[in-house]
Amino acid sequence: MDKIRKHIIFYGYVQGVGFRWKASSTARRLGISGWVRNLSDGSVEMEAEGTVRDIEDLIQAMEDHSWGSVERITAENVPLHNDYNFEVR
């Protein structure tokens, strides 16, 4: 399957609730590479590289995060980086 890479920003109650750690563990379980980090405006930024299905599953898992709440998501395709791991920044 072809890989894509998405730049995603999650808005809502997404900081201080284990959001980045859930993103990291879910991405690793799905074989997705990339990174996730908090932004100063209270949102969380992520780049995720994998199959379309795996990235959709990752986004869905983050929307279903039990301790926080996602109010809005923006996402756009970006060039592949061909990295090998997923890190919390």
N, C-alpha and C. Protein backbone atom coordinates (compact mmCIF):
# COMPACT_ATOMS: atom_id res chain seq x y z
N MET A 1 0.83 -1.19 0.00
CA MET A 1 0.00 0.00 0.00
C MET A 1 0.87 1.25 0.00
N ASP A 2 0.37 2.26 -0.64
CA ASP A 2 1.09 3.52 -0.71
C ASP A 2 1.00 4.27 0.61
N LYS A 3 2.08 4.95 0.94
CA LYS A 3 2.11 5.77 2.14
C LYS A 3 1.80 7.22 1.80
N ILE A 4 1.23 7.90 2.79
CA ILE A 4 1.04 9.34 2.72
C ILE A 4 1.58 9.93 4.03
N ARG A 5 1.73 11.24 4.07
CA ARG A 5 2.10 11.94 5.30
C ARG A 5 1.13 13.10 5.47
N LYS A 6 0.58 13.21 6.68
CA LYS A 6 -0.36 14.28 6.98
C LYS A 6 0.18 15.15 8.10
N HIS A 7 -0.02 16.45 7.95
CA HIS A 7 0.22 17.43 9.02
C HIS A 7 -1.15 17.70 9.63
N ILE A 8 -1.28 17.43 10.93
CA ILE A 8 -2.58 17.48 11.59
C ILE A 8 -2.48 18.37 12.83
N ILE A 9 -3.50 19.17 13.05
CA ILE A 9 -3.57 19.94 14.29
C ILE A 9 -4.91 19.63 14.95
N PHE A 10 -4.83 19.26 16.24
CA PHE A 10 -6.00 18.95 17.05
C PHE A 10 -6.26 20.13 17.97
N TYR A 11 -7.50 20.63 17.95
CA TYR A 11 -7.92 21.74 18.80
C TYR A 11 -8.93 21.24 19.82
N GLY A 12 -8.93 21.84 20.99
CA GLY A 12 -9.87 21.48 22.04
C GLY A 12 -9.12 21.30 23.35
N TYR A 13 -9.64 20.42 24.20
CA TYR A 13 -8.99 20.11 25.47
C TYR A 13 -8.04 18.94 25.21
N VAL A 14 -6.85 19.27 24.70
CA VAL A 14 -5.93 18.23 24.23
C VAL A 14 -4.54 18.29 24.87
N GLN A 15 -4.33 19.22 25.79
CA GLN A 15 -3.05 19.28 26.49
C GLN A 15 -3.27 18.96 27.96
N GLY A 16 -2.28 18.26 28.54
CA GLY A 16 -2.35 17.90 29.95
C GLY A 16 -3.27 16.73 30.24
N VAL A 17 -3.62 15.96 29.21
CA VAL A 17 -4.55 14.84 29.38
C VAL A 17 -3.98 13.53 28.82
N GLY A 18 -2.67 13.47 28.57
CA GLY A 18 -2.05 12.27 28.02
C GLY A 18 -2.24 12.11 26.52
N PHE A 19 -2.63 13.17 25.86
CA PHE A 19 -2.94 13.13 24.42
C PHE A 19 -1.73 12.71 23.60
N ARG A 20 -0.57 13.35 23.84
CA ARG A 20 0.63 13.03 23.05
C ARG A 20 1.09 11.59 23.29
N TRP A 21 0.95 11.13 24.52
CA TRP A 21 1.39 9.77 24.83
C TRP A 21 0.48 8.74 24.18
N LYS A 22 -0.83 9.02 24.16
CA LYS A 22 -1.74 8.12 23.46
C LYS A 22 -1.45 8.14 21.96
N ALA A 23 -1.18 9.33 21.41
CA ALA A 23 -0.85 9.43 19.99
C ALA A 23 0.37 8.60 19.67
N SER A 24 1.39 8.71 20.52
CA SER A 24 2.63 7.98 20.29
C SER A 24 2.41 6.46 20.36
N SER A 25 1.74 5.99 21.39
CA SER A 25 1.54 4.54 21.52
C SER A 25 0.64 4.00 20.42
N THR A 26 -0.38 4.75 20.03
CA THR A 26 -1.27 4.31 18.96
C THR A 26 -0.55 4.30 17.62
N ALA A 27 0.22 5.35 17.35
CA ALA A 27 0.98 5.42 16.10
C ALA A 27 1.97 4.25 16.00
N ARG A 28 2.67 3.98 17.07
CA ARG A 28 3.63 2.87 17.05
C ARG A 28 2.93 1.54 16.82
N ARG A 29 1.79 1.35 17.46
CA ARG A 29 1.03 0.11 17.29
C ARG A 29 0.57 -0.06 15.84
N LEU A 30 0.24 1.05 15.19
CA LEU A 30 -0.23 1.01 13.80
C LEU A 30 0.90 1.05 12.78
N GLY A 31 2.15 1.21 13.23
CA GLY A 31 3.29 1.26 12.31
C GLY A 31 3.43 2.61 11.63
N ILE A 32 2.93 3.66 12.26
CA ILE A 32 3.00 5.01 11.71
C ILE A 32 4.24 5.70 12.23
N SER A 33 4.93 6.43 11.37
CA SER A 33 6.09 7.22 11.80
C SER A 33 5.69 8.69 11.83
N GLY A 34 6.53 9.51 12.49
CA GLY A 34 6.26 10.94 12.55
C GLY A 34 6.55 11.50 13.93
N TRP A 35 5.75 12.49 14.33
CA TRP A 35 5.96 13.14 15.62
C TRP A 35 4.70 13.85 16.08
N VAL A 36 4.68 14.23 17.36
CA VAL A 36 3.58 14.97 17.95
C VAL A 36 4.15 15.94 18.97
N ARG A 37 3.55 17.14 19.08
CA ARG A 37 4.01 18.12 20.07
C ARG A 37 2.88 19.09 20.43
N ASN A 38 3.01 19.67 21.63
CA ASN A 38 2.09 20.71 22.08
C ASN A 38 2.46 22.02 21.42
N LEU A 39 1.46 22.84 21.13
CA LEU A 39 1.68 24.19 20.64
C LEU A 39 1.27 25.19 21.72
N SER A 40 1.82 26.38 21.64
CA SER A 40 1.61 27.39 22.68
C SER A 40 0.16 27.86 22.78
N ASP A 41 -0.64 27.65 21.74
CA ASP A 41 -2.04 28.08 21.78
C ASP A 41 -2.97 27.04 22.40
N GLY A 42 -2.40 25.93 22.91
CA GLY A 42 -3.21 24.89 23.55
C GLY A 42 -3.59 23.75 22.63
N SER A 43 -3.24 23.84 21.36
CA SER A 43 -3.52 22.75 20.42
C SER A 43 -2.35 21.77 20.39
N VAL A 44 -2.54 20.66 19.69
CA VAL A 44 -1.49 19.65 19.52
C VAL A 44 -1.26 19.45 18.04
N GLU A 45 -0.01 19.51 17.64
CA GLU A 45 0.40 19.36 16.24
C GLU A 45 1.02 17.98 16.04
N MET A 46 0.72 17.38 14.90
CA MET A 46 1.24 16.04 14.60
C MET A 46 1.57 15.94 13.12
N GLU A 47 2.61 15.19 12.81
CA GLU A 47 2.82 14.70 11.46
C GLU A 47 2.83 13.19 11.55
N ALA A 48 2.06 12.56 10.67
CA ALA A 48 1.91 11.11 10.69
C ALA A 48 2.10 10.58 9.27
N GLU A 49 2.92 9.55 9.16
CA GLU A 49 3.22 8.93 7.86
C GLU A 49 2.90 7.45 7.92
N GLY A 50 2.04 7.01 7.02
CA GLY A 50 1.63 5.61 6.96
C GLY A 50 0.59 5.46 5.88
N THR A 51 -0.14 4.35 5.91
CA THR A 51 -1.21 4.16 4.94
C THR A 51 -2.38 5.05 5.29
N VAL A 52 -3.21 5.32 4.31
CA VAL A 52 -4.39 6.15 4.54
C VAL A 52 -5.23 5.53 5.65
N ARG A 53 -5.44 4.24 5.61
CA ARG A 53 -6.27 3.55 6.62
C ARG A 53 -5.68 3.69 8.02
N ASP A 54 -4.36 3.49 8.14
CA ASP A 54 -3.74 3.58 9.46
C ASP A 54 -3.82 5.00 10.02
N ILE A 55 -3.63 6.00 9.18
CA ILE A 55 -3.72 7.39 9.65
C ILE A 55 -5.16 7.72 10.03
N GLU A 56 -6.13 7.23 9.26
CA GLU A 56 -7.53 7.43 9.64
C GLU A 56 -7.82 6.79 10.99
N ASP A 57 -7.27 5.58 11.22
CA ASP A 57 -7.46 4.91 12.51
C ASP A 57 -6.82 5.69 13.65
N LEU A 58 -5.65 6.27 13.40
CA LEU A 58 -4.98 7.08 14.42
C LEU A 58 -5.82 8.31 14.76
N ILE A 59 -6.30 9.01 13.75
CA ILE A 59 -7.12 10.20 13.99
C ILE A 59 -8.38 9.83 14.76
N GLN A 60 -9.01 8.73 14.39
CA GLN A 60 -10.22 8.28 15.09
C GLN A 60 -9.91 7.97 16.55
N ALA A 61 -8.80 7.31 16.81
CA ALA A 61 -8.41 7.00 18.19
C ALA A 61 -8.21 8.27 18.99
N MET A 62 -7.65 9.30 18.36
CA MET A 62 -7.42 10.55 19.08
C MET A 62 -8.74 11.29 19.31
N GLU A 63 -9.68 11.19 18.40
CA GLU A 63 -11.00 11.80 18.62
C GLU A 63 -11.74 11.11 19.75
N ASP A 64 -11.47 9.82 19.94
CA ASP A 64 -12.13 9.04 20.99
C ASP A 64 -11.36 9.06 22.31
N HIS A 65 -10.36 9.91 22.43
CA HIS A 65 -9.54 9.99 23.64
C HIS A 65 -10.44 10.29 24.84
N SER A 66 -10.40 9.44 25.84
CA SER A 66 -11.37 9.51 26.94
C SER A 66 -11.15 10.66 27.91
N TRP A 67 -9.93 11.19 28.02
CA TRP A 67 -9.67 12.23 29.03
C TRP A 67 -9.75 13.64 28.47
N GLY A 68 -9.61 13.79 27.19
CA GLY A 68 -9.66 15.10 26.58
C GLY A 68 -10.86 15.19 25.66
N SER A 69 -10.91 16.27 24.90
CA SER A 69 -11.98 16.39 23.91
C SER A 69 -11.45 17.18 22.72
N VAL A 70 -11.62 16.60 21.56
CA VAL A 70 -11.21 17.24 20.31
C VAL A 70 -12.40 18.01 19.77
N GLU A 71 -12.24 19.31 19.60
CA GLU A 71 -13.32 20.14 19.06
C GLU A 71 -13.22 20.30 17.55
N ARG A 72 -11.98 20.31 17.06
CA ARG A 72 -11.77 20.54 15.62
C ARG A 72 -10.43 19.97 15.22
N ILE A 73 -10.32 19.52 13.97
CA ILE A 73 -9.08 18.98 13.42
C ILE A 73 -8.85 19.61 12.06
N THR A 74 -7.61 20.05 11.82
CA THR A 74 -7.22 20.44 10.47
C THR A 74 -6.15 19.46 10.02
N ALA A 75 -6.17 19.11 8.75
CA ALA A 75 -5.20 18.15 8.22
C ALA A 75 -4.91 18.46 6.76
N GLU A 76 -3.65 18.31 6.39
CA GLU A 76 -3.27 18.48 4.99
C GLU A 76 -2.14 17.50 4.67
N ASN A 77 -2.10 17.08 3.43
CA ASN A 77 -1.02 16.21 2.99
C ASN A 77 0.26 17.01 2.87
N VAL A 78 1.37 16.41 3.26
CA VAL A 78 2.70 17.01 3.14
C VAL A 78 3.62 15.95 2.53
N PRO A 79 4.82 16.35 2.07
CA PRO A 79 5.73 15.38 1.46
C PRO A 79 6.18 14.30 2.45
N LEU A 80 6.40 13.11 1.92
CA LEU A 80 6.91 11.99 2.73
C LEU A 80 8.30 12.31 3.27
N HIS A 81 8.59 11.83 4.47
CA HIS A 81 9.92 11.97 5.05
C HIS A 81 10.64 10.63 5.12
N ASN A 82 9.89 9.53 5.02
CA ASN A 82 10.45 8.19 5.11
C ASN A 82 11.23 7.98 6.41
N ASP A 83 10.70 8.53 7.52
CA ASP A 83 11.34 8.28 8.80
C ASP A 83 10.87 6.93 9.34
N TYR A 84 11.46 6.50 10.45
CA TYR A 84 11.23 5.14 10.92
C TYR A 84 10.54 5.03 12.27
N ASN A 85 10.43 6.13 13.00
CA ASN A 85 9.82 6.03 14.32
C ASN A 85 8.82 7.16 14.53
N PHE A 86 8.17 7.13 15.67
CA PHE A 86 7.23 8.18 16.05
C PHE A 86 7.68 8.72 17.38
N GLU A 87 7.86 10.05 17.44
CA GLU A 87 8.42 10.63 18.66
C GLU A 87 7.52 11.73 19.24
N VAL A 88 7.61 11.88 20.54
CA VAL A 88 6.95 12.98 21.24
C VAL A 88 7.97 14.08 21.36
N ARG A 89 7.62 15.26 20.89
CA ARG A 89 8.54 16.40 20.94
C ARG A 89 8.14 17.36 22.05
